[in-house]
Structure formats: C-alpha cells, structure tokens
Amino acid sequence: MPFLLRYSRLIDTLNARLGHSLPWLILFAVLVAAGNALVRRIFQLSSNALLEIQWYLFAAVFLLGAGHALLGNAHVRIDILSARLSPRARNWIDVFGIVFFLIPFCLILILMSWPLAVNAWASGEMSQNAGGLVRWPVWLLLPMGFGLLLLQALSELIKRIAFLRGLGGDPLSAHRAQ
C-alpha cells in the first residue's frame, strides 16, 4: 500500500500542477476573443481561426482540468445527503462510484476517442470553415483529458481504500486542491 500511496501522490501532483496552469489558457482565450472583437469592430475583419482557437482553448481547460476538479473534490456531489453519512459510508460510496461508473466511463471514452484523434491526424482533417484550423489537436484532447481523469480516479480510489483500511486520513474531510 505505501507504493500505491506514493503513486497516488505523483498523480495528484501531476493534476495539481496542470490544474494550476490552466488559468493561463483562459487568459489567452479572453485575449484572443477581445483581440478578435476589436479587429472585427475597427477593421471589419474576422477570422474563423481565431474563433476556433477560443473553442480549442475552452475544450483544453474543460478536459484537462477534470482530473484537477476530482482532486479538489470540486465535482458534483449531493452534499445534503452525503453530509448525513459517516466518513466510512461516504468513502464506500465513492469507491463504488469510482469502480463501477467513473473508471469504466473514462475507459470507454478513451477507447472511443483515440481512433478519432488518430484518424484526424492521418487524414489531415481541417475545419469546414474557411480559414479554419486542423482538427487533430482538439480531438487529441479527448483521450488526454479522460486519461488524466482516469489517473486521478485511480489515485482517489487508492486514497479511499487506504482510509477504509486505517492507513490514511479521510480524503473527503477537506478541500484538497493543491
């Protein structure tokens, strides 16, 4: 179990660092949007590529940040019910949800999205919009994002099992985003 807890901390560090870098993508998206709006207003010019970059950046923030949200316990939870349960019961519910819902969901989406990314790369898929961008980077965000979420799900599973075995603190006791 100590090896698994070290592995869990490594995953936590990866998702924490990535999560803390994502606000820069939001800033970049805002600057691109503002710049595009100014150019459109002043020069009556617009760029589909700039609009698509904003979409790509939003997708990157959402997909690459999902693991960080799980790390920080910022995902959707029915707090009114879980607050009434004991820490052990809450952790058992999470173990069940991680094993039977989150891990299979991530695996299915990785397996389904990987061929899309590979096909977009191999075919040189481009946006249908004039002046649009290549599509493989945004398709690649799908398996990457769900891969990071899967890693974090494994980390959370390890921490909950350690708690249930009396080998660690309650991972649900406080906000943990690093």
C-alpha atoms as a PDB file:
ATOM      1  CA  MET A   1       0.000   0.000   0.000  1.00  0.00           C
ATOM      2  CA  PRO A   2       2.836   2.530   0.612  1.00  0.00           C
ATOM      3  CA  PHE A   3       3.893   2.141  -3.041  1.00  0.00           C
ATOM      4  CA  LEU A   4       0.337   2.813  -4.199  1.00  0.00           C
ATOM      5  CA  LEU A   5       0.080   5.880  -1.956  1.00  0.00           C
ATOM      6  CA  ARG A   6       3.330   7.240  -3.472  1.00  0.00           C
ATOM      7  CA  TYR A   7       1.854   6.596  -6.936  1.00  0.00           C
ATOM      8  CA  SER A   8      -1.299   8.422  -5.817  1.00  0.00           C
ATOM      9  CA  ARG A   9       0.723  11.446  -4.653  1.00  0.00           C
ATOM     10  CA  LEU A  10       2.529  11.518  -8.007  1.00  0.00           C
ATOM     11  CA  ILE A  11      -0.789  11.583  -9.880  1.00  0.00           C
ATOM     12  CA  ASP A  12      -2.101  14.254  -7.500  1.00  0.00           C
ATOM     13  CA  THR A  13       0.981  16.391  -8.181  1.00  0.00           C
ATOM     14  CA  LEU A  14       0.581  15.999 -11.946  1.00  0.00           C
ATOM     15  CA  ASN A  15      -3.079  17.025 -11.927  1.00  0.00           C
ATOM     16  CA  ALA A  16      -2.491  19.823  -9.394  1.00  0.00           C
ATOM     17  CA  ARG A  17       0.282  21.384 -11.472  1.00  0.00           C
ATOM     18  CA  LEU A  18      -1.697  21.025 -14.672  1.00  0.00           C
ATOM     19  CA  GLY A  19      -4.784  22.458 -12.998  1.00  0.00           C
ATOM     20  CA  HIS A  20      -2.867  25.485 -11.767  1.00  0.00           C
ATOM     21  CA  SER A  21      -1.535  26.181 -15.268  1.00  0.00           C
ATOM     22  CA  LEU A  22      -4.953  26.100 -16.956  1.00  0.00           C
ATOM     23  CA  PRO A  23      -5.970  29.644 -15.948  1.00  0.00           C
ATOM     24  CA  TRP A  24      -3.314  30.845 -18.398  1.00  0.00           C
ATOM     25  CA  LEU A  25      -5.303  29.190 -21.184  1.00  0.00           C
ATOM     26  CA  ILE A  26      -8.395  31.040 -20.002  1.00  0.00           C
ATOM     27  CA  LEU A  27      -6.478  34.324 -20.071  1.00  0.00           C
ATOM     28  CA  PHE A  28      -5.220  33.537 -23.568  1.00  0.00           C
ATOM     29  CA  ALA A  29      -8.769  32.725 -24.725  1.00  0.00           C
ATOM     30  CA  VAL A  30     -10.024  36.036 -23.329  1.00  0.00           C
ATOM     31  CA  LEU A  31      -7.217  37.955 -25.042  1.00  0.00           C
ATOM     32  CA  VAL A  32      -7.895  36.204 -28.357  1.00  0.00           C
ATOM     33  CA  ALA A  33     -11.626  36.945 -28.050  1.00  0.00           C
ATOM     34  CA  ALA A  34     -11.006  40.595 -27.184  1.00  0.00           C
ATOM     35  CA  GLY A  35      -8.479  40.990 -29.975  1.00  0.00           C
ATOM     36  CA  ASN A  36     -10.803  39.369 -32.480  1.00  0.00           C
ATOM     37  CA  ALA A  37     -13.686  41.609 -31.369  1.00  0.00           C
ATOM     38  CA  LEU A  38     -11.528  44.746 -31.675  1.00  0.00           C
ATOM     39  CA  VAL A  39     -10.259  43.817 -35.130  1.00  0.00           C
ATOM     40  CA  ARG A  40     -13.790  42.986 -36.261  1.00  0.00           C
ATOM     41  CA  ARG A  41     -15.142  46.296 -34.884  1.00  0.00           C
ATOM     42  CA  ILE A  42     -12.317  48.542 -36.083  1.00  0.00           C
ATOM     43  CA  PHE A  43     -11.329  46.922 -39.384  1.00  0.00           C
ATOM     44  CA  GLN A  44     -14.489  44.914 -40.196  1.00  0.00           C
ATOM     45  CA  LEU A  45     -12.306  41.788 -40.377  1.00  0.00           C
ATOM     46  CA  SER A  46     -12.802  38.494 -38.649  1.00  0.00           C
ATOM     47  CA  SER A  47     -11.000  35.194 -38.528  1.00  0.00           C
ATOM     48  CA  ASN A  48     -12.526  31.747 -38.224  1.00  0.00           C
ATOM     49  CA  ALA A  49      -9.154  30.519 -36.980  1.00  0.00           C
ATOM     50  CA  LEU A  50      -9.320  32.910 -34.027  1.00  0.00           C
ATOM     51  CA  LEU A  51     -12.846  31.778 -33.217  1.00  0.00           C
ATOM     52  CA  GLU A  52     -11.757  28.156 -33.371  1.00  0.00           C
ATOM     53  CA  ILE A  53      -8.721  28.811 -31.169  1.00  0.00           C
ATOM     54  CA  GLN A  54     -11.130  30.040 -28.478  1.00  0.00           C
ATOM     55  CA  TRP A  55     -13.119  26.805 -28.834  1.00  0.00           C
ATOM     56  CA  TYR A  56      -9.935  24.705 -28.644  1.00  0.00           C
ATOM     57  CA  LEU A  57      -8.781  26.561 -25.533  1.00  0.00           C
ATOM     58  CA  PHE A  58     -12.135  26.077 -23.823  1.00  0.00           C
ATOM     59  CA  ALA A  59     -12.013  22.366 -24.646  1.00  0.00           C
ATOM     60  CA  ALA A  60      -8.478  22.149 -23.248  1.00  0.00           C
ATOM     61  CA  VAL A  61      -9.438  23.851 -19.985  1.00  0.00           C
ATOM     62  CA  PHE A  62     -12.516  21.703 -19.507  1.00  0.00           C
ATOM     63  CA  LEU A  63     -10.989  18.346 -20.474  1.00  0.00           C
ATOM     64  CA  LEU A  64      -7.521  18.762 -18.979  1.00  0.00           C
ATOM     65  CA  GLY A  65      -8.973  20.267 -15.796  1.00  0.00           C
ATOM     66  CA  ALA A  66     -11.359  17.414 -14.982  1.00  0.00           C
ATOM     67  CA  GLY A  67      -8.703  15.485 -13.061  1.00  0.00           C
ATOM     68  CA  HIS A  68      -7.865  18.595 -11.063  1.00  0.00           C
ATOM     69  CA  ALA A  69     -11.549  19.067 -10.222  1.00  0.00           C
ATOM     70  CA  LEU A  70     -11.738  15.485  -8.948  1.00  0.00           C
ATOM     71  CA  LEU A  71      -8.544  16.010  -6.949  1.00  0.00           C
ATOM     72  CA  GLY A  72     -10.060  19.070  -5.271  1.00  0.00           C
ATOM     73  CA  ASN A  73     -13.368  17.309  -4.637  1.00  0.00           C
ATOM     74  CA  ALA A  74     -14.974  20.023  -6.781  1.00  0.00           C
ATOM     75  CA  HIS A  75     -17.127  17.633  -8.790  1.00  0.00           C
ATOM     76  CA  VAL A  76     -20.883  17.319  -8.448  1.00  0.00           C
ATOM     77  CA  ARG A  77     -21.964  15.637  -5.243  1.00  0.00           C
ATOM     78  CA  ILE A  78     -25.262  15.515  -3.381  1.00  0.00           C
ATOM     79  CA  ASP A  79     -23.941  17.206  -0.246  1.00  0.00           C
ATOM     80  CA  ILE A  80     -27.286  17.337   1.533  1.00  0.00           C
ATOM     81  CA  LEU A  81     -27.287  13.529   1.607  1.00  0.00           C
ATOM     82  CA  SER A  82     -23.591  12.821   1.997  1.00  0.00           C
ATOM     83  CA  ALA A  83     -23.263  15.252   4.920  1.00  0.00           C
ATOM     84  CA  ARG A  84     -25.535  12.982   6.943  1.00  0.00           C
ATOM     85  CA  LEU A  85     -23.378   9.902   6.361  1.00  0.00           C
ATOM     86  CA  SER A  86     -20.338   8.758   8.295  1.00  0.00           C
ATOM     87  CA  PRO A  87     -16.904   9.255   6.714  1.00  0.00           C
ATOM     88  CA  ARG A  88     -16.633   5.496   6.123  1.00  0.00           C
ATOM     89  CA  ALA A  89     -20.015   5.394   4.368  1.00  0.00           C
ATOM     90  CA  ARG A  90     -19.098   8.373   2.152  1.00  0.00           C
ATOM     91  CA  ASN A  91     -15.828   6.715   1.200  1.00  0.00           C
ATOM     92  CA  TRP A  92     -17.528   3.395   0.465  1.00  0.00           C
ATOM     93  CA  ILE A  93     -19.988   5.200  -1.809  1.00  0.00           C
ATOM     94  CA  ASP A  94     -17.082   6.865  -3.601  1.00  0.00           C
ATOM     95  CA  VAL A  95     -15.253   3.547  -4.001  1.00  0.00           C
ATOM     96  CA  PHE A  96     -18.398   2.078  -5.555  1.00  0.00           C
ATOM     97  CA  GLY A  97     -18.876   5.077  -7.852  1.00  0.00           C
ATOM     98  CA  ILE A  98     -15.238   5.168  -8.927  1.00  0.00           C
ATOM     99  CA  VAL A  99     -15.027   1.428  -9.638  1.00  0.00           C
ATOM    100  CA  PHE A 100     -18.401   0.922 -11.311  1.00  0.00           C
ATOM    101  CA  PHE A 101     -19.023   4.271 -13.005  1.00  0.00           C
ATOM    102  CA  LEU A 102     -16.032   6.624 -13.303  1.00  0.00           C
ATOM    103  CA  ILE A 103     -13.319   4.152 -14.337  1.00  0.00           C
ATOM    104  CA  PRO A 104     -15.488   2.370 -16.954  1.00  0.00           C
ATOM    105  CA  PHE A 105     -16.716   5.743 -18.259  1.00  0.00           C
ATOM    106  CA  CYS A 106     -13.156   7.007 -18.700  1.00  0.00           C
ATOM    107  CA  LEU A 107     -12.008   3.768 -20.348  1.00  0.00           C
ATOM    108  CA  ILE A 108     -14.911   3.790 -22.794  1.00  0.00           C
ATOM    109  CA  LEU A 109     -14.316   7.414 -23.761  1.00  0.00           C
ATOM    110  CA  ILE A 110     -10.581   6.892 -24.177  1.00  0.00           C
ATOM    111  CA  LEU A 111     -11.187   3.847 -26.370  1.00  0.00           C
ATOM    112  CA  MET A 112     -13.818   5.661 -28.428  1.00  0.00           C
ATOM    113  CA  SER A 113     -11.962   8.964 -28.819  1.00  0.00           C
ATOM    114  CA  TRP A 114      -8.473   7.660 -29.581  1.00  0.00           C
ATOM    115  CA  PRO A 115      -9.417   6.464 -33.104  1.00  0.00           C
ATOM    116  CA  LEU A 116     -10.986   9.865 -33.796  1.00  0.00           C
ATOM    117  CA  ALA A 117      -7.730  11.623 -32.919  1.00  0.00           C
ATOM    118  CA  VAL A 118      -5.645   9.170 -34.948  1.00  0.00           C
ATOM    119  CA  ASN A 119      -7.954   9.454 -37.976  1.00  0.00           C
ATOM    120  CA  ALA A 120      -7.937  13.259 -37.778  1.00  0.00           C
ATOM    121  CA  TRP A 121      -4.118  13.200 -37.684  1.00  0.00           C
ATOM    122  CA  ALA A 122      -3.780  10.676 -40.515  1.00  0.00           C
ATOM    123  CA  SER A 123      -6.289  12.393 -42.782  1.00  0.00           C
ATOM    124  CA  GLY A 124      -5.152  15.925 -42.009  1.00  0.00           C
ATOM    125  CA  GLU A 125      -8.728  16.778 -41.044  1.00  0.00           C
ATOM    126  CA  MET A 126      -9.410  20.502 -41.281  1.00  0.00           C
ATOM    127  CA  SER A 127     -12.248  22.645 -40.106  1.00  0.00           C
ATOM    128  CA  GLN A 128     -15.017  23.069 -42.650  1.00  0.00           C
ATOM    129  CA  ASN A 129     -14.936  26.814 -42.055  1.00  0.00           C
ATOM    130  CA  ALA A 130     -12.911  28.999 -44.382  1.00  0.00           C
ATOM    131  CA  GLY A 131      -9.572  29.747 -42.742  1.00  0.00           C
ATOM    132  CA  GLY A 132     -10.233  27.153 -40.050  1.00  0.00           C
ATOM    133  CA  LEU A 133      -7.685  25.056 -38.189  1.00  0.00           C
ATOM    134  CA  VAL A 134      -6.554  21.460 -38.257  1.00  0.00           C
ATOM    135  CA  ARG A 135      -8.739  19.325 -36.017  1.00  0.00           C
ATOM    136  CA  TRP A 136      -6.401  16.658 -34.617  1.00  0.00           C
ATOM    137  CA  PRO A 137      -5.228  18.763 -31.624  1.00  0.00           C
ATOM    138  CA  VAL A 138      -8.764  19.174 -30.324  1.00  0.00           C
ATOM    139  CA  TRP A 139      -9.587  15.509 -30.977  1.00  0.00           C
ATOM    140  CA  LEU A 140      -6.445  14.537 -29.067  1.00  0.00           C
ATOM    141  CA  LEU A 141      -7.693  16.486 -26.039  1.00  0.00           C
ATOM    142  CA  LEU A 142     -10.443  13.893 -25.547  1.00  0.00           C
ATOM    143  CA  PRO A 143      -8.274  10.853 -24.794  1.00  0.00           C
ATOM    144  CA  MET A 144      -5.755  13.033 -22.958  1.00  0.00           C
ATOM    145  CA  GLY A 145      -8.377  14.613 -20.726  1.00  0.00           C
ATOM    146  CA  PHE A 146     -10.105  11.341 -19.926  1.00  0.00           C
ATOM    147  CA  GLY A 147      -6.708   9.713 -19.412  1.00  0.00           C
ATOM    148  CA  LEU A 148      -5.873  12.322 -16.776  1.00  0.00           C
ATOM    149  CA  LEU A 149      -9.300  11.861 -15.206  1.00  0.00           C
ATOM    150  CA  LEU A 150      -8.763   8.092 -15.161  1.00  0.00           C
ATOM    151  CA  LEU A 151      -5.398   8.516 -13.437  1.00  0.00           C
ATOM    152  CA  GLN A 152      -6.991  10.784 -10.833  1.00  0.00           C
ATOM    153  CA  ALA A 153      -9.817   8.284 -10.341  1.00  0.00           C
ATOM    154  CA  LEU A 154      -7.209   5.609  -9.584  1.00  0.00           C
ATOM    155  CA  SER A 155      -5.483   7.972  -7.165  1.00  0.00           C
ATOM    156  CA  GLU A 156      -8.756   8.721  -5.398  1.00  0.00           C
ATOM    157  CA  LEU A 157      -9.553   5.009  -5.233  1.00  0.00           C
ATOM    158  CA  ILE A 158      -6.172   4.307  -3.618  1.00  0.00           C
ATOM    159  CA  LYS A 159      -6.701   7.067  -1.030  1.00  0.00           C
ATOM    160  CA  ARG A 160     -10.194   5.884  -0.150  1.00  0.00           C
ATOM    161  CA  ILE A 161      -9.101   2.270   0.230  1.00  0.00           C
ATOM    162  CA  ALA A 162      -6.181   3.398   2.401  1.00  0.00           C
ATOM    163  CA  PHE A 163      -8.618   5.333   4.595  1.00  0.00           C
ATOM    164  CA  LEU A 164     -11.002   2.394   4.847  1.00  0.00           C
ATOM    165  CA  ARG A 165      -8.089   0.162   5.878  1.00  0.00           C
ATOM    166  CA  GLY A 166      -6.969   2.685   8.500  1.00  0.00           C
ATOM    167  CA  LEU A 167      -3.798   3.648   6.600  1.00  0.00           C
ATOM    168  CA  GLY A 168      -4.560   7.273   5.868  1.00  0.00           C
ATOM    169  CA  GLY A 169      -6.725  10.258   6.608  1.00  0.00           C
ATOM    170  CA  ASP A 170     -10.190  10.830   5.226  1.00  0.00           C
ATOM    171  CA  PRO A 171      -9.735  12.094   1.656  1.00  0.00           C
ATOM    172  CA  LEU A 172     -13.186  13.696   1.809  1.00  0.00           C
ATOM    173  CA  SER A 173     -12.581  15.639   5.035  1.00  0.00           C
ATOM    174  CA  ALA A 174     -11.440  18.901   3.467  1.00  0.00           C
ATOM    175  CA  HIS A 175     -10.931  20.674   0.185  1.00  0.00           C
ATOM    176  CA  ARG A 176      -7.687  19.244  -1.144  1.00  0.00           C
ATOM    177  CA  ALA A 177      -6.917  21.010  -4.448  1.00  0.00           C
ATOM    178  CA  GLN A 178      -3.229  21.809  -4.388  1.00  0.00           C
END
